[in-house]
Every structure is written in C-alpha cells, then in structure tokens.
Amino acid sequence: MEHGTQNSDPVVSNRTMEIVVAGLFALVALVVMADSIRVGNGWGSDGPKAGYFPFYVGLIMLVSSLATLAVNLWRHSGERTAFVEKHQLALVLQVLVPSVVFVILTAFLGIYLSAVLFIAFFMHWVGKYPLKTILPVSILVPAGLFVMFEIWFLVPLPKGPVETMFGF
C-alpha cells in the first residue's frame, strides 16, 4: 500500500499491460515500416529517400517491442504486481468517462456549450461546489476562451446550434 491508498483487488497486472503495450507498439512499428516502404526507404541518387529514417525507427521499435513481448510472455514470476487496482481504476474512469462525453457533445453542441456543461458537471460532482460558484465559473471560462480564440487569435473552434442561433 502506498500513499494511503485503500487495499483493493488488482484489475490488471503489470505483466499483462506490458504484453498489451508491446503488442500495440509492434503493430505501430509495422505500420511505420510498411508506409516507409511505400514511400521509398532506400538510398537515392541524392541521398536517403523519404522513408529511410522512419523505416529504421520502425525497425528499432519493432525489435524492442518484440523483445519486451518475449520477456513478458516467458517470464513466470510468482509475484503479481498490480498495474491498477479497482479503486484506482474508478478514479481514472471518474475523469475519463465525462471527458469522452464532452468530446462527443462537442460534435453536436459545439465546444463552448459543451465546456459549460463539462465544467459545471465536474464542479458539482467532484468539487461539490455551490451553484453560486458553479454558474459564474462554468459560464465565464468558456466565454473567456471564446474571446481569446475567436476574437483575439482569430481561430475558429467548433460551434453548435446555440452559437449559430446567436450569429456566431
């Protein structure tokens, strides 16, 4: 137990996560190498072709991933160290799920209204702030971002039906 965490059942072990991540890195390496071959990974008359260096970076990634994968597949350690425990996963999901909902809402409501809802939700659910604090913060922060991006920097961000209704 570290830093006062509660004793909880492990959800996944370090070994399992190392196998999964090594496998994913191997796949990424294969994609990099395949695309490098597609654009040309050899040596041309004027020097290396566009895929020359990416191919070898992909090759190094692949060899490293396969070595990590092999070590973890053949390692039969009696100790099962937890990568994440149930209570830790719950804390991560407490932030991850609303963040995914925010991204999805942005496609339908625009970034500013989604940000109002996201900030208000977190302030209420996690922070337990009173409504008199939630309302000004959840409205003024996206309004400030609107001024900064849309007016000062002239960078348009995704807008939804509410912004369209107000002529933005």
C-alpha atoms as a PDB file:
ATOM      1  CA  MET A   1       0.000   0.000   0.000  1.00  0.00           C
ATOM      2  CA  GLU A   2       1.404   3.382  -0.950  1.00  0.00           C
ATOM      3  CA  HIS A   3       0.357   6.932  -0.154  1.00  0.00           C
ATOM      4  CA  GLY A   4      -2.579   5.849   1.979  1.00  0.00           C
ATOM      5  CA  THR A   5      -4.482   4.048  -0.765  1.00  0.00           C
ATOM      6  CA  GLN A   6      -7.120   1.560   0.192  1.00  0.00           C
ATOM      7  CA  ASN A   7      -6.403  -2.137  -0.166  1.00  0.00           C
ATOM      8  CA  SER A   8      -8.142  -3.222  -3.343  1.00  0.00           C
ATOM      9  CA  ASP A   9      -8.162  -6.081  -5.813  1.00  0.00           C
ATOM     10  CA  PRO A  10      -5.938  -5.682  -8.851  1.00  0.00           C
ATOM     11  CA  VAL A  11      -7.807  -5.216 -12.129  1.00  0.00           C
ATOM     12  CA  VAL A  12      -4.817  -5.904 -14.347  1.00  0.00           C
ATOM     13  CA  SER A  13      -1.205  -6.838 -13.697  1.00  0.00           C
ATOM     14  CA  ASN A  14       1.959  -5.075 -14.849  1.00  0.00           C
ATOM     15  CA  ARG A  15       2.891  -8.143 -16.901  1.00  0.00           C
ATOM     16  CA  THR A  16      -0.413  -8.075 -18.784  1.00  0.00           C
ATOM     17  CA  MET A  17      -0.097  -4.367 -19.540  1.00  0.00           C
ATOM     18  CA  GLU A  18       3.491  -4.792 -20.731  1.00  0.00           C
ATOM     19  CA  ILE A  19       2.345  -7.534 -23.113  1.00  0.00           C
ATOM     20  CA  VAL A  20      -0.535  -5.407 -24.425  1.00  0.00           C
ATOM     21  CA  VAL A  21       1.572  -2.269 -24.884  1.00  0.00           C
ATOM     22  CA  ALA A  22       4.430  -4.206 -26.502  1.00  0.00           C
ATOM     23  CA  GLY A  23       1.945  -5.741 -28.934  1.00  0.00           C
ATOM     24  CA  LEU A  24       0.455  -2.337 -29.776  1.00  0.00           C
ATOM     25  CA  PHE A  25       3.907  -0.815 -30.282  1.00  0.00           C
ATOM     26  CA  ALA A  26       4.817  -3.716 -32.569  1.00  0.00           C
ATOM     27  CA  LEU A  27       1.714  -3.003 -34.650  1.00  0.00           C
ATOM     28  CA  VAL A  28       2.572   0.699 -34.847  1.00  0.00           C
ATOM     29  CA  ALA A  29       6.122  -0.205 -35.857  1.00  0.00           C
ATOM     30  CA  LEU A  30       4.822  -2.455 -38.642  1.00  0.00           C
ATOM     31  CA  VAL A  31       2.580   0.346 -39.932  1.00  0.00           C
ATOM     32  CA  VAL A  32       5.523   2.787 -39.894  1.00  0.00           C
ATOM     33  CA  MET A  33       7.743   0.298 -41.705  1.00  0.00           C
ATOM     34  CA  ALA A  34       5.065  -0.551 -44.309  1.00  0.00           C
ATOM     35  CA  ASP A  35       4.431   3.111 -45.066  1.00  0.00           C
ATOM     36  CA  SER A  36       8.168   3.779 -45.239  1.00  0.00           C
ATOM     37  CA  ILE A  37       8.497   1.028 -47.826  1.00  0.00           C
ATOM     38  CA  ARG A  38       5.557   2.541 -49.731  1.00  0.00           C
ATOM     39  CA  VAL A  39       7.205   5.982 -49.975  1.00  0.00           C
ATOM     40  CA  GLY A  40      10.663   4.550 -50.516  1.00  0.00           C
ATOM     41  CA  ASN A  41      13.068   3.521 -47.799  1.00  0.00           C
ATOM     42  CA  GLY A  42      16.231   3.084 -49.793  1.00  0.00           C
ATOM     43  CA  TRP A  43      19.076   5.316 -50.794  1.00  0.00           C
ATOM     44  CA  GLY A  44      18.525   7.504 -53.838  1.00  0.00           C
ATOM     45  CA  SER A  45      20.989   9.312 -56.052  1.00  0.00           C
ATOM     46  CA  ASP A  46      20.539  12.447 -53.953  1.00  0.00           C
ATOM     47  CA  GLY A  47      20.612  10.742 -50.558  1.00  0.00           C
ATOM     48  CA  PRO A  48      18.127   8.886 -48.386  1.00  0.00           C
ATOM     49  CA  LYS A  49      14.564   8.604 -49.642  1.00  0.00           C
ATOM     50  CA  ALA A  50      11.627   9.884 -47.574  1.00  0.00           C
ATOM     51  CA  GLY A  51      11.063   6.586 -45.779  1.00  0.00           C
ATOM     52  CA  TYR A  52      14.692   5.752 -44.998  1.00  0.00           C
ATOM     53  CA  PHE A  53      14.907   7.058 -41.418  1.00  0.00           C
ATOM     54  CA  PRO A  54      11.289   6.259 -40.455  1.00  0.00           C
ATOM     55  CA  PHE A  55      11.843   2.666 -41.623  1.00  0.00           C
ATOM     56  CA  TYR A  56      14.782   2.199 -39.272  1.00  0.00           C
ATOM     57  CA  VAL A  57      12.992   3.925 -36.399  1.00  0.00           C
ATOM     58  CA  GLY A  58      10.110   1.487 -37.014  1.00  0.00           C
ATOM     59  CA  LEU A  59      12.563  -1.419 -37.123  1.00  0.00           C
ATOM     60  CA  ILE A  60      14.084  -0.390 -33.777  1.00  0.00           C
ATOM     61  CA  MET A  61      10.565  -0.047 -32.330  1.00  0.00           C
ATOM     62  CA  LEU A  62       9.636  -3.492 -33.646  1.00  0.00           C
ATOM     63  CA  VAL A  63      12.732  -5.227 -32.266  1.00  0.00           C
ATOM     64  CA  SER A  64      12.315  -3.513 -28.881  1.00  0.00           C
ATOM     65  CA  SER A  65       8.620  -4.383 -28.744  1.00  0.00           C
ATOM     66  CA  LEU A  66       9.230  -7.997 -29.653  1.00  0.00           C
ATOM     67  CA  ALA A  67      11.968  -8.266 -27.016  1.00  0.00           C
ATOM     68  CA  THR A  68       9.649  -6.805 -24.366  1.00  0.00           C
ATOM     69  CA  LEU A  69       6.871  -9.109 -25.519  1.00  0.00           C
ATOM     70  CA  ALA A  70       9.116 -12.182 -25.384  1.00  0.00           C
ATOM     71  CA  VAL A  71      10.477 -11.357 -21.921  1.00  0.00           C
ATOM     72  CA  ASN A  72       6.964 -10.918 -20.521  1.00  0.00           C
ATOM     73  CA  LEU A  73       5.494 -13.956 -22.252  1.00  0.00           C
ATOM     74  CA  TRP A  74       8.162 -16.315 -20.932  1.00  0.00           C
ATOM     75  CA  ARG A  75       8.524 -14.764 -17.507  1.00  0.00           C
ATOM     76  CA  HIS A  76       6.700 -16.838 -14.921  1.00  0.00           C
ATOM     77  CA  SER A  77       7.002 -14.614 -11.929  1.00  0.00           C
ATOM     78  CA  GLY A  78       5.216 -15.696  -8.781  1.00  0.00           C
ATOM     79  CA  GLU A  79       4.665 -12.060  -7.843  1.00  0.00           C
ATOM     80  CA  ARG A  80       1.636 -10.449  -9.455  1.00  0.00           C
ATOM     81  CA  THR A  81       2.181  -6.724  -9.153  1.00  0.00           C
ATOM     82  CA  ALA A  82      -0.891  -4.671  -9.882  1.00  0.00           C
ATOM     83  CA  PHE A  83      -0.832  -2.175 -12.714  1.00  0.00           C
ATOM     84  CA  VAL A  84      -4.102  -0.739 -11.487  1.00  0.00           C
ATOM     85  CA  GLU A  85      -6.430  -1.640  -8.645  1.00  0.00           C
ATOM     86  CA  LYS A  86     -10.212  -1.288  -8.633  1.00  0.00           C
ATOM     87  CA  HIS A  87     -10.314   1.934  -6.630  1.00  0.00           C
ATOM     88  CA  GLN A  88      -7.604   3.492  -8.805  1.00  0.00           C
ATOM     89  CA  LEU A  89      -9.441   2.487 -11.978  1.00  0.00           C
ATOM     90  CA  ALA A  90     -12.621   4.009 -10.556  1.00  0.00           C
ATOM     91  CA  LEU A  91     -10.812   7.330 -10.067  1.00  0.00           C
ATOM     92  CA  VAL A  92      -9.487   7.256 -13.625  1.00  0.00           C
ATOM     93  CA  LEU A  93     -12.914   6.405 -15.040  1.00  0.00           C
ATOM     94  CA  GLN A  94     -14.427   9.218 -12.961  1.00  0.00           C
ATOM     95  CA  VAL A  95     -12.472  11.624 -15.174  1.00  0.00           C
ATOM     96  CA  LEU A  96     -12.262   9.607 -18.404  1.00  0.00           C
ATOM     97  CA  VAL A  97     -15.977   8.934 -18.952  1.00  0.00           C
ATOM     98  CA  PRO A  98     -17.120  12.576 -18.582  1.00  0.00           C
ATOM     99  CA  SER A  99     -14.205  13.645 -20.789  1.00  0.00           C
ATOM    100  CA  VAL A 100     -15.322  11.254 -23.536  1.00  0.00           C
ATOM    101  CA  VAL A 101     -18.893  12.556 -23.179  1.00  0.00           C
ATOM    102  CA  PHE A 102     -17.510  16.121 -23.508  1.00  0.00           C
ATOM    103  CA  VAL A 103     -15.753  15.236 -26.764  1.00  0.00           C
ATOM    104  CA  ILE A 104     -18.910  13.611 -28.146  1.00  0.00           C
ATOM    105  CA  LEU A 105     -21.073  16.568 -27.088  1.00  0.00           C
ATOM    106  CA  THR A 106     -18.658  18.947 -28.804  1.00  0.00           C
ATOM    107  CA  ALA A 107     -19.633  17.415 -32.153  1.00  0.00           C
ATOM    108  CA  PHE A 108     -23.318  18.205 -31.512  1.00  0.00           C
ATOM    109  CA  LEU A 109     -23.367  21.269 -29.251  1.00  0.00           C
ATOM    110  CA  GLY A 110     -20.087  22.958 -30.109  1.00  0.00           C
ATOM    111  CA  ILE A 111     -17.116  23.378 -27.835  1.00  0.00           C
ATOM    112  CA  TYR A 112     -18.390  26.335 -25.819  1.00  0.00           C
ATOM    113  CA  LEU A 113     -21.735  24.932 -24.642  1.00  0.00           C
ATOM    114  CA  SER A 114     -20.095  21.542 -24.068  1.00  0.00           C
ATOM    115  CA  ALA A 115     -17.440  23.270 -21.953  1.00  0.00           C
ATOM    116  CA  VAL A 116     -20.124  25.000 -19.864  1.00  0.00           C
ATOM    117  CA  LEU A 117     -21.783  21.641 -19.169  1.00  0.00           C
ATOM    118  CA  PHE A 118     -18.461  19.863 -18.553  1.00  0.00           C
ATOM    119  CA  ILE A 119     -17.153  22.446 -16.089  1.00  0.00           C
ATOM    120  CA  ALA A 120     -20.496  22.691 -14.278  1.00  0.00           C
ATOM    121  CA  PHE A 121     -20.759  18.907 -14.030  1.00  0.00           C
ATOM    122  CA  PHE A 122     -17.261  18.499 -12.594  1.00  0.00           C
ATOM    123  CA  MET A 123     -17.625  21.366 -10.163  1.00  0.00           C
ATOM    124  CA  HIS A 124     -20.873  19.880  -8.870  1.00  0.00           C
ATOM    125  CA  TRP A 125     -19.984  16.179  -8.939  1.00  0.00           C
ATOM    126  CA  VAL A 126     -16.332  16.134  -7.921  1.00  0.00           C
ATOM    127  CA  GLY A 127     -15.828  19.515  -6.269  1.00  0.00           C
ATOM    128  CA  LYS A 128     -19.218  19.723  -4.523  1.00  0.00           C
ATOM    129  CA  TYR A 129     -19.221  23.494  -5.124  1.00  0.00           C
ATOM    130  CA  PRO A 130     -22.389  25.504  -4.531  1.00  0.00           C
ATOM    131  CA  LEU A 131     -24.446  26.699  -7.503  1.00  0.00           C
ATOM    132  CA  LYS A 132     -23.440  30.331  -6.840  1.00  0.00           C
ATOM    133  CA  THR A 133     -19.837  29.325  -7.629  1.00  0.00           C
ATOM    134  CA  ILE A 134     -20.596  26.852 -10.423  1.00  0.00           C
ATOM    135  CA  LEU A 135     -22.648  29.192 -12.603  1.00  0.00           C
ATOM    136  CA  PRO A 136     -20.180  32.075 -12.993  1.00  0.00           C
ATOM    137  CA  VAL A 137     -17.143  29.822 -13.436  1.00  0.00           C
ATOM    138  CA  SER A 138     -18.791  27.444 -15.905  1.00  0.00           C
ATOM    139  CA  ILE A 139     -20.035  30.383 -18.000  1.00  0.00           C
ATOM    140  CA  LEU A 140     -17.088  32.789 -17.738  1.00  0.00           C
ATOM    141  CA  VAL A 141     -14.328  30.267 -18.535  1.00  0.00           C
ATOM    142  CA  PRO A 142     -15.815  29.254 -21.940  1.00  0.00           C
ATOM    143  CA  ALA A 143     -16.692  32.922 -22.587  1.00  0.00           C
ATOM    144  CA  GLY A 144     -13.068  33.843 -21.928  1.00  0.00           C
ATOM    145  CA  LEU A 145     -11.910  31.068 -24.243  1.00  0.00           C
ATOM    146  CA  PHE A 146     -14.316  32.351 -26.902  1.00  0.00           C
ATOM    147  CA  VAL A 147     -12.848  35.858 -26.671  1.00  0.00           C
ATOM    148  CA  MET A 148      -9.292  34.551 -26.701  1.00  0.00           C
ATOM    149  CA  PHE A 149      -9.613  32.122 -29.623  1.00  0.00           C
ATOM    150  CA  GLU A 150     -12.355  33.623 -31.795  1.00  0.00           C
ATOM    151  CA  ILE A 151     -11.664  37.329 -31.371  1.00  0.00           C
ATOM    152  CA  TRP A 152      -8.021  37.778 -30.386  1.00  0.00           C
ATOM    153  CA  PHE A 153      -6.362  34.855 -32.176  1.00  0.00           C
ATOM    154  CA  LEU A 154      -8.983  34.532 -34.967  1.00  0.00           C
ATOM    155  CA  VAL A 155      -9.004  30.755 -34.541  1.00  0.00           C
ATOM    156  CA  PRO A 156     -12.476  29.334 -35.082  1.00  0.00           C
ATOM    157  CA  LEU A 157     -13.401  26.441 -32.815  1.00  0.00           C
ATOM    158  CA  PRO A 158     -16.307  24.019 -33.365  1.00  0.00           C
ATOM    159  CA  LYS A 159     -19.626  25.735 -32.823  1.00  0.00           C
ATOM    160  CA  GLY A 160     -23.053  24.249 -32.302  1.00  0.00           C
ATOM    161  CA  PRO A 161     -26.654  25.328 -32.701  1.00  0.00           C
ATOM    162  CA  VAL A 162     -26.570  27.814 -29.794  1.00  0.00           C
ATOM    163  CA  GLU A 163     -23.703  29.805 -31.273  1.00  0.00           C
ATOM    164  CA  THR A 164     -25.420  29.693 -34.683  1.00  0.00           C
ATOM    165  CA  MET A 165     -28.635  30.996 -33.105  1.00  0.00           C
ATOM    166  CA  PHE A 166     -26.702  33.986 -31.703  1.00  0.00           C
ATOM    167  CA  GLY A 167     -24.979  34.642 -35.026  1.00  0.00           C
ATOM    168  CA  PHE A 168     -21.505  33.397 -34.158  1.00  0.00           C
END
